[in-house]
Amino acid sequence: MARQLLSVLLLSLSVALLGGCGDGGGAASNNSAIDARAAAERQKLAASFDDVIAAGNKPLALSMGKTLLRRWPDSSEARAIATRVAELEATVAEEKEASRLKNLWVYHRLGDEGDTAFIYRFGDGDADKGGRGIRLVLRDKPSWGRDIFLLTARGRFDCAPDCKVELIVDDRPPMQIDAFASEPNQNPALFFKDTEGFLDILHGARRIEVAAPLQDDPSNRASFEVGGYDEASWLGDAAGKQQPANGD
């Protein structure tokens, strides 16, 4: 039995060796065909990359460019687009961030009822799940004028009859601004007295942090990512035009 098993193994080895010693032309031909298909695929992908960029679909073009660089990093096609892919990646990231910031704001155009814009405090949880639900609200109502205030879903602000609160804009030094709290029978709000000054601050700011003292949390602060603020979405044709706070 052992001799029979040895004979089978030797026969199998002989067949394998003979197969390996066969005509190498077929293998070479297969390799050439594979290389040709890969080259055609690279060229098609590179051409499609240019077409998609021209069509303005940057995310899709970036995906295609990264695929080419990953699969054929040493190819001439990869070298030709490497710089553009890096630039495209930075552009797509910037546009994605700009879109994220823009979508943080909510706008309501209500005509005579007033136009509002608001943004939730950064990192603030849902009020129904324990968060304060603090919002920075911009309001423009014909009968009242423009107001800027904080609104909270839980608790009341500790600023009676008025107070000064600290405001930090991006990396600038802290400043003190005048504020006052709403009446006890009104919605819990903290109004900022210098409306136009606050609007000026919003233009070009990326992030603001303001002291928002609450009766049960005097050290409370609120931070907002305001870089996506769009005055035209809030005020329409009135954007860029000053209006007295009392609506006169």
Protein backbone atom coordinates (compact mmCIF):
# COMPACT_ATOMS: atom_id res chain seq x y z
CA MET A 1 0.00 0.00 0.00
CA ALA A 2 2.83 2.39 0.84
CA ARG A 3 4.54 1.61 -2.50
CA GLN A 4 1.26 2.31 -4.37
CA LEU A 5 0.81 5.66 -2.57
CA LEU A 6 4.41 6.61 -3.36
CA SER A 7 3.85 5.77 -7.03
CA VAL A 8 0.76 8.00 -7.16
CA LEU A 9 2.64 10.90 -5.57
CA LEU A 10 5.54 10.54 -7.99
CA LEU A 11 3.17 10.44 -10.94
CA SER A 12 1.40 13.58 -9.74
CA LEU A 13 4.72 15.35 -9.31
CA SER A 14 5.82 14.35 -12.79
CA VAL A 15 2.62 15.70 -14.32
CA ALA A 16 3.05 18.97 -12.47
CA LEU A 17 6.64 19.31 -13.61
CA LEU A 18 5.75 18.55 -17.19
CA GLY A 19 2.97 21.11 -17.05
CA GLY A 20 5.43 23.68 -15.79
CA CYS A 21 7.83 22.91 -18.58
CA GLY A 22 5.22 23.40 -21.28
CA ASP A 23 5.18 26.13 -23.85
CA GLY A 24 5.62 29.53 -22.09
CA GLY A 25 4.22 31.43 -25.02
CA GLY A 26 0.65 30.95 -23.86
CA ALA A 27 1.37 32.39 -20.42
CA ALA A 28 3.19 35.34 -21.90
CA SER A 29 0.29 35.95 -24.23
CA ASN A 30 -2.15 35.85 -21.32
CA ASN A 31 -0.02 38.33 -19.36
CA SER A 32 0.07 40.68 -22.33
CA ALA A 33 -3.69 40.52 -22.63
CA ILE A 34 -4.10 41.25 -18.92
CA ASP A 35 -1.70 44.20 -19.17
CA ALA A 36 -3.58 45.54 -22.18
CA ARG A 37 -6.91 45.32 -20.38
CA ALA A 38 -5.46 47.07 -17.32
CA ALA A 39 -4.02 49.83 -19.49
CA ALA A 40 -7.35 50.30 -21.23
CA GLU A 41 -9.13 50.43 -17.87
CA ARG A 42 -6.67 53.01 -16.54
CA GLN A 43 -7.03 55.18 -19.61
CA LYS A 44 -10.81 54.98 -19.49
CA LEU A 45 -10.86 55.88 -15.79
CA ALA A 46 -8.48 58.80 -16.34
CA ALA A 47 -10.63 60.12 -19.19
CA SER A 48 -13.80 59.72 -17.11
CA PHE A 49 -12.08 61.58 -14.26
CA ASP A 50 -11.58 64.60 -16.53
CA ASP A 51 -15.15 64.39 -17.86
CA VAL A 52 -16.68 64.23 -14.38
CA ILE A 53 -14.61 67.21 -13.21
CA ALA A 54 -15.78 69.17 -16.24
CA ALA A 55 -19.37 68.24 -15.35
CA GLY A 56 -18.85 69.67 -11.86
CA ASN A 57 -19.33 66.48 -9.84
CA LYS A 58 -16.33 66.88 -7.58
CA PRO A 59 -17.13 64.10 -5.05
CA LEU A 60 -17.52 61.51 -7.84
CA ALA A 61 -14.35 62.72 -9.55
CA LEU A 62 -12.47 62.45 -6.26
CA SER A 63 -13.68 58.88 -5.79
CA MET A 64 -12.56 57.94 -9.30
CA GLY A 65 -9.19 59.62 -8.87
CA LYS A 66 -8.55 57.84 -5.60
CA THR A 67 -9.45 54.52 -7.21
CA LEU A 68 -6.93 55.06 -9.99
CA LEU A 69 -4.21 56.07 -7.52
CA ARG A 70 -4.92 53.09 -5.29
CA ARG A 71 -5.02 50.43 -8.02
CA TRP A 72 -2.23 51.72 -10.26
CA PRO A 73 -0.07 54.03 -8.11
CA ASP A 74 2.98 53.79 -10.41
CA SER A 75 1.16 54.29 -13.70
CA SER A 76 1.55 57.34 -15.92
CA GLU A 77 -2.18 58.01 -15.54
CA ALA A 78 -1.86 58.10 -11.75
CA ARG A 79 1.12 60.44 -11.90
CA ALA A 80 -0.78 62.73 -14.26
CA ILE A 81 -3.70 63.24 -11.86
CA ALA A 82 -2.03 62.94 -8.45
CA THR A 83 -1.72 66.70 -7.88
CA ARG A 84 -5.26 67.39 -9.03
CA VAL A 85 -6.64 64.64 -6.79
CA ALA A 86 -4.91 66.20 -3.77
CA GLU A 87 -6.32 69.63 -4.64
CA LEU A 88 -9.74 68.15 -5.28
CA GLU A 89 -9.72 66.37 -1.93
CA ALA A 90 -9.07 69.67 -0.14
CA THR A 91 -11.80 71.44 -2.13
CA VAL A 92 -14.38 68.72 -1.48
CA ALA A 93 -13.58 68.79 2.24
CA GLU A 94 -13.99 72.58 2.35
CA GLU A 95 -17.29 72.48 0.49
CA LYS A 96 -18.57 69.68 2.71
CA GLU A 97 -17.72 71.70 5.83
CA ALA A 98 -19.34 74.83 4.37
CA SER A 99 -22.50 72.85 3.65
CA ARG A 100 -22.51 71.43 7.18
CA LEU A 101 -22.22 74.89 8.73
CA LYS A 102 -24.92 76.29 6.45
CA ASN A 103 -27.31 73.50 7.38
CA LEU A 104 -26.96 74.28 11.10
CA TRP A 105 -29.13 77.36 10.55
CA VAL A 106 -32.91 77.30 10.18
CA TYR A 107 -34.73 80.20 8.49
CA HIS A 108 -38.42 81.11 8.54
CA ARG A 109 -39.72 83.88 6.25
CA LEU A 110 -43.15 84.87 7.62
CA GLY A 111 -43.76 88.34 6.17
CA ASP A 112 -45.73 90.54 8.57
CA GLU A 113 -45.38 87.88 11.24
CA GLY A 114 -41.64 88.41 11.15
CA ASP A 115 -38.62 86.59 9.77
CA THR A 116 -36.48 84.46 12.05
CA ALA A 117 -33.23 82.57 11.91
CA PHE A 118 -31.87 80.32 14.61
CA ILE A 119 -29.08 77.90 15.39
CA TYR A 120 -28.76 75.43 18.27
CA ARG A 121 -25.93 75.55 20.77
CA PHE A 122 -22.99 73.41 19.69
CA GLY A 123 -23.12 69.99 21.32
CA ASP A 124 -26.43 70.70 23.05
CA GLY A 125 -28.60 67.64 23.44
CA ASP A 126 -32.22 67.29 22.54
CA ALA A 127 -34.34 69.09 25.15
CA ASP A 128 -36.56 66.01 25.40
CA LYS A 129 -33.50 63.97 26.37
CA GLY A 130 -32.08 66.29 29.00
CA GLY A 131 -30.43 68.98 26.88
CA ARG A 132 -31.12 72.67 27.40
CA GLY A 133 -32.14 73.18 23.79
CA ILE A 134 -30.48 76.62 23.82
CA ARG A 135 -30.85 78.52 20.55
CA LEU A 136 -29.40 81.75 19.21
CA VAL A 137 -32.37 83.48 17.57
CA LEU A 138 -32.40 86.39 15.11
CA ARG A 139 -35.83 87.98 14.74
CA ASP A 140 -37.04 90.69 12.39
CA LYS A 141 -40.65 91.73 12.92
CA PRO A 142 -42.03 94.89 11.28
CA SER A 143 -43.90 96.00 14.42
CA TRP A 144 -40.94 95.41 16.77
CA GLY A 145 -37.77 95.70 14.75
CA ARG A 146 -34.86 93.33 15.01
CA ASP A 147 -33.87 91.38 18.08
CA ILE A 148 -31.14 88.89 18.85
CA PHE A 149 -31.55 86.63 21.85
CA LEU A 150 -30.94 83.25 23.39
CA LEU A 151 -33.90 80.98 23.96
CA THR A 152 -33.82 77.94 26.21
CA ALA A 153 -36.21 75.01 26.39
CA ARG A 154 -35.44 74.33 30.05
CA GLY A 155 -34.95 76.78 32.93
CA ARG A 156 -34.80 80.58 32.96
CA PHE A 157 -31.95 82.99 32.44
CA ASP A 158 -30.47 84.75 35.46
CA CYS A 159 -30.17 88.36 34.28
CA ALA A 160 -32.64 90.65 36.02
CA PRO A 161 -33.31 93.41 35.39
CA ASP A 162 -30.26 93.40 33.13
CA CYS A 163 -26.63 92.28 33.13
CA LYS A 164 -23.37 92.15 31.23
CA VAL A 165 -22.33 88.84 29.71
CA GLU A 166 -19.03 87.72 28.27
CA LEU A 167 -18.79 87.11 24.53
CA ILE A 168 -15.87 85.40 22.78
CA VAL A 169 -15.62 85.49 18.98
CA ASP A 170 -13.25 82.94 17.45
CA ASP A 171 -9.78 83.56 18.92
CA ARG A 172 -10.34 87.21 19.86
CA PRO A 173 -10.12 88.48 23.44
CA PRO A 174 -13.35 88.26 25.47
CA MET A 175 -15.67 91.27 25.46
CA GLN A 176 -18.58 92.33 27.66
CA ILE A 177 -21.99 92.97 26.09
CA ASP A 178 -25.22 94.27 27.61
CA ALA A 179 -28.15 91.89 27.97
CA PHE A 180 -31.48 91.54 29.75
CA ALA A 181 -33.81 88.64 30.49
CA SER A 182 -37.42 88.33 29.40
CA GLU A 183 -40.27 88.86 31.86
CA PRO A 184 -41.28 85.87 34.03
CA ASN A 185 -44.55 85.47 32.12
CA GLN A 186 -42.74 85.34 28.76
CA ASN A 187 -40.72 82.63 27.06
CA PRO A 188 -37.30 82.26 28.77
CA ALA A 189 -35.05 84.46 26.65
CA LEU A 190 -31.84 86.47 27.09
CA PHE A 191 -31.83 89.53 24.82
CA PHE A 192 -28.71 91.34 23.61
CA LYS A 193 -29.17 95.10 23.59
CA ASP A 194 -26.86 96.04 20.71
CA THR A 195 -28.60 94.21 17.87
CA GLU A 196 -26.70 95.81 15.00
CA GLY A 197 -23.40 95.36 16.79
CA PHE A 198 -24.11 91.68 17.28
CA LEU A 199 -25.04 91.31 13.60
CA ASP A 200 -21.73 92.91 12.65
CA ILE A 201 -19.98 90.30 14.79
CA LEU A 202 -21.78 87.46 13.00
CA HIS A 203 -20.38 88.51 9.64
CA GLY A 204 -17.15 86.61 9.17
CA ALA A 205 -17.25 84.85 12.55
CA ARG A 206 -16.74 81.10 12.65
CA ARG A 207 -17.70 80.45 16.24
CA ILE A 208 -19.04 82.49 19.13
CA GLU A 209 -19.25 81.63 22.80
CA VAL A 210 -21.43 83.63 25.15
CA ALA A 211 -22.15 83.46 28.86
CA ALA A 212 -25.74 82.29 29.29
CA PRO A 213 -26.37 82.32 33.07
CA LEU A 214 -29.33 80.22 34.15
CA GLN A 215 -31.04 80.42 37.51
CA ASP A 216 -30.03 76.83 38.25
CA ASP A 217 -26.64 77.12 36.51
CA PRO A 218 -25.08 80.62 36.77
CA SER A 219 -21.87 79.51 35.02
CA ASN A 220 -23.67 78.14 31.95
CA ARG A 221 -22.16 79.09 28.59
CA ALA A 222 -23.37 78.60 25.03
CA SER A 223 -21.16 78.04 21.99
CA PHE A 224 -22.43 78.32 18.41
CA GLU A 225 -20.80 77.42 15.08
CA VAL A 226 -22.05 80.44 13.14
CA GLY A 227 -19.82 80.26 10.05
CA GLY A 228 -22.73 79.26 7.81
CA TYR A 229 -24.88 82.31 8.65
CA ASP A 230 -26.50 83.82 5.54
CA GLU A 231 -28.17 87.17 6.08
CA ALA A 232 -29.99 87.02 2.74
CA SER A 233 -31.69 83.78 3.79
CA TRP A 234 -32.94 85.56 6.90
CA LEU A 235 -33.83 89.04 5.62
CA GLY A 236 -34.18 88.63 1.87
CA ASP A 237 -34.02 92.00 0.10
CA ALA A 238 -33.54 93.76 3.45
CA ALA A 239 -30.15 92.09 3.94
CA GLY A 240 -27.40 94.61 4.55
CA LYS A 241 -29.83 97.35 5.56
CA GLN A 242 -29.87 98.59 9.14
CA GLN A 243 -33.14 98.87 11.00
CA PRO A 244 -33.74 100.46 14.41
CA ALA A 245 -34.44 97.92 17.13
CA ASN A 246 -37.83 99.50 17.86
CA GLY A 247 -38.97 99.20 14.26
CA ASP A 248 -39.26 102.99 13.72
